[in-house]
């Protein structure tokens, strides 16, 4: 628990029930109040540069409609992706992956948890093994690039 008491005349009160990964500051004087800073403080620690809160998802869909993601990320490396998934799984938050949004419909109320958009070059690779008639395609690869490479 984190308790702040910025003025000597304010007395510290017992913390209310805490949700995991939350920080509560309770201050009291004549009128008691508490302030929940939210779970994002420790949940996003170290990922602030790639995670945004309440990100509208409409720009990521073909129809340009839908609500916001509670958390949204565009990781730039496999290490960032693995770290994000681990952190959100440990916090028991949903994790969803999106592509180019062609077949994506988002509820107007938005999406709880983390939405990951794999748009970085690290996730858009295509490897062709002609000897074994096999392709390895990154999760962020556009379908049109995959098809064009496959027909060659």
Protein backbone atom coordinates (compact mmCIF):
# COMPACT_ATOMS: atom_id res chain seq x y z
CA UNK A 1 0.00 0.00 0.00
CA UNK A 2 1.14 3.51 -0.78
CA UNK A 3 -0.13 6.25 1.54
CA UNK A 4 0.61 9.92 1.03
CA UNK A 5 0.22 12.47 3.77
CA UNK A 6 1.43 15.78 2.33
CA UNK A 7 0.31 18.02 5.17
CA UNK A 8 0.90 17.34 8.89
CA UNK A 9 -2.65 18.35 9.82
CA UNK A 10 -4.09 15.58 7.62
CA UNK A 11 -4.25 12.22 9.27
CA UNK A 12 -3.77 8.98 7.39
CA UNK A 13 -6.73 6.63 7.24
CA UNK A 14 -6.94 2.89 6.78
CA UNK A 15 -6.77 1.91 3.10
CA UNK A 16 -9.88 0.67 1.38
CA UNK A 17 -9.76 -2.79 -0.19
CA UNK A 18 -7.14 -2.69 -2.91
CA UNK A 19 -7.41 -4.21 -6.36
CA UNK A 20 -4.24 -5.94 -7.58
CA UNK A 21 -1.61 -3.55 -8.93
CA UNK A 22 -3.48 -0.49 -7.61
CA UNK A 23 -2.19 2.42 -5.65
CA UNK A 24 -4.52 4.23 -3.30
CA UNK A 25 -3.86 7.51 -1.63
CA UNK A 26 -6.10 8.29 1.28
CA UNK A 27 -6.02 11.64 2.96
CA UNK A 28 -8.30 12.85 5.66
CA UNK A 29 -9.23 16.02 7.42
CA UNK A 30 -12.75 17.18 8.25
CA UNK A 31 -13.96 15.72 4.97
CA UNK A 32 -12.49 12.32 4.24
CA UNK A 33 -11.71 11.33 0.68
CA UNK A 34 -9.69 8.78 -1.23
CA UNK A 35 -8.14 8.85 -4.67
CA UNK A 36 -7.55 5.77 -6.76
CA UNK A 37 -4.63 6.33 -9.10
CA UNK A 38 -5.38 3.14 -11.00
CA UNK A 39 -3.82 -0.13 -12.01
CA UNK A 40 -1.91 1.37 -14.90
CA UNK A 41 0.92 2.58 -12.65
CA UNK A 42 2.62 -0.81 -12.24
CA UNK A 43 0.92 -2.58 -15.15
CA UNK A 44 2.51 -0.23 -17.69
CA UNK A 45 5.80 0.27 -15.90
CA UNK A 46 8.56 -0.08 -18.47
CA UNK A 47 6.11 -0.10 -21.37
CA UNK A 48 4.98 3.54 -21.26
CA UNK A 49 6.67 4.22 -24.60
CA UNK A 50 4.57 1.63 -26.47
CA UNK A 51 1.26 1.38 -24.57
CA UNK A 52 -1.52 3.94 -24.78
CA UNK A 53 -4.67 3.97 -22.67
CA UNK A 54 -8.19 4.46 -24.08
CA UNK A 55 -6.97 4.35 -27.69
CA UNK A 56 -9.82 4.65 -30.24
CA UNK A 57 -9.90 1.50 -32.38
CA UNK A 58 -12.00 2.97 -35.22
CA UNK A 59 -8.88 4.09 -37.16
CA UNK A 60 -7.68 0.48 -37.14
CA UNK A 61 -10.83 -0.94 -38.77
CA UNK A 62 -11.94 -0.81 -42.38
CA UNK A 63 -15.37 0.59 -41.44
CA UNK A 64 -13.79 3.24 -39.15
CA UNK A 65 -16.27 2.58 -36.32
CA UNK A 66 -16.06 1.16 -32.82
CA UNK A 67 -15.00 2.05 -29.31
CA UNK A 68 -11.64 2.36 -27.60
CA UNK A 69 -9.19 -0.20 -26.27
CA UNK A 70 -8.55 0.00 -22.55
CA UNK A 71 -4.86 -0.47 -23.42
CA UNK A 72 -3.35 -0.42 -26.92
CA UNK A 73 0.15 -1.26 -28.03
CA UNK A 74 2.25 -1.46 -31.18
CA UNK A 75 5.37 -3.29 -29.98
CA UNK A 76 8.49 -2.90 -32.10
CA UNK A 77 10.27 -6.13 -31.18
CA UNK A 78 9.58 -9.70 -30.15
CA UNK A 79 11.00 -8.95 -26.68
CA UNK A 80 8.49 -6.12 -26.18
CA UNK A 81 5.65 -8.35 -27.38
CA UNK A 82 6.61 -11.20 -25.04
CA UNK A 83 7.01 -8.79 -22.10
CA UNK A 84 3.62 -7.20 -22.70
CA UNK A 85 1.79 -10.51 -23.01
CA UNK A 86 3.45 -11.82 -19.83
CA UNK A 87 2.68 -8.67 -17.84
CA UNK A 88 -0.98 -8.53 -18.88
CA UNK A 89 -1.46 -12.29 -18.40
CA UNK A 90 -0.05 -12.02 -14.88
CA UNK A 91 -2.54 -9.21 -14.19
CA UNK A 92 -5.31 -11.44 -15.59
CA UNK A 93 -6.09 -8.92 -18.35
CA UNK A 94 -7.36 -10.00 -21.76
CA UNK A 95 -4.88 -9.75 -24.63
CA UNK A 96 -6.05 -9.49 -28.24
CA UNK A 97 -4.13 -9.18 -31.49
CA UNK A 98 -5.34 -7.24 -34.50
CA UNK A 99 -4.12 -7.06 -38.07
CA UNK A 100 -5.11 -4.56 -40.72
CA UNK A 101 -8.74 -4.43 -39.53
CA UNK A 102 -10.42 -5.59 -42.74
CA UNK A 103 -12.61 -8.11 -40.90
CA UNK A 104 -12.63 -6.37 -37.54
CA UNK A 105 -15.77 -5.07 -35.84
CA UNK A 106 -15.35 -3.31 -32.49
CA UNK A 107 -18.17 -2.84 -29.99
CA UNK A 108 -19.01 0.82 -29.36
CA UNK A 109 -18.38 0.20 -25.63
CA UNK A 110 -14.78 -0.64 -26.48
CA UNK A 111 -12.50 -3.50 -25.53
CA UNK A 112 -11.28 -4.36 -22.03
CA UNK A 113 -7.67 -5.40 -21.64
CA UNK A 114 -4.80 -5.02 -24.10
CA UNK A 115 -5.15 -4.80 -27.87
CA UNK A 116 -1.88 -5.40 -29.74
CA UNK A 117 -1.39 -4.18 -33.30
CA UNK A 118 1.50 -6.00 -34.97
CA UNK A 119 2.46 -3.33 -37.49
CA UNK A 120 6.22 -3.06 -36.88
CA UNK A 121 8.64 -4.52 -39.44
CA UNK A 122 9.70 -7.16 -36.90
CA UNK A 123 6.26 -8.78 -37.34
CA UNK A 124 5.80 -8.29 -41.08
CA UNK A 125 8.44 -10.60 -42.52
CA UNK A 126 7.93 -13.28 -45.17
CA UNK A 127 10.40 -16.12 -45.58
CA UNK A 128 10.12 -18.50 -48.51
CA UNK A 129 11.68 -21.96 -48.44
CA UNK A 130 11.33 -23.14 -52.05
CA UNK A 131 13.14 -26.42 -51.32
CA UNK A 132 10.37 -27.49 -48.96
CA UNK A 133 7.46 -25.53 -50.49
CA UNK A 134 7.00 -23.60 -47.25
CA UNK A 135 6.42 -19.99 -46.22
CA UNK A 136 6.87 -18.47 -42.81
CA UNK A 137 4.87 -15.28 -42.42
CA UNK A 138 4.91 -12.76 -39.57
CA UNK A 139 1.64 -12.02 -37.77
CA UNK A 140 1.62 -8.40 -38.96
CA UNK A 141 2.06 -9.21 -42.63
CA UNK A 142 -0.61 -7.76 -44.90
CA UNK A 143 -2.70 -10.39 -46.61
CA UNK A 144 -2.02 -8.82 -50.02
CA UNK A 145 1.76 -9.18 -49.51
CA UNK A 146 1.35 -12.78 -48.41
CA UNK A 147 -0.78 -13.64 -51.46
CA UNK A 148 1.54 -11.83 -53.89
CA UNK A 149 4.54 -13.72 -52.50
CA UNK A 150 2.71 -17.06 -52.52
CA UNK A 151 1.75 -16.86 -56.21
CA UNK A 152 5.33 -16.15 -57.36
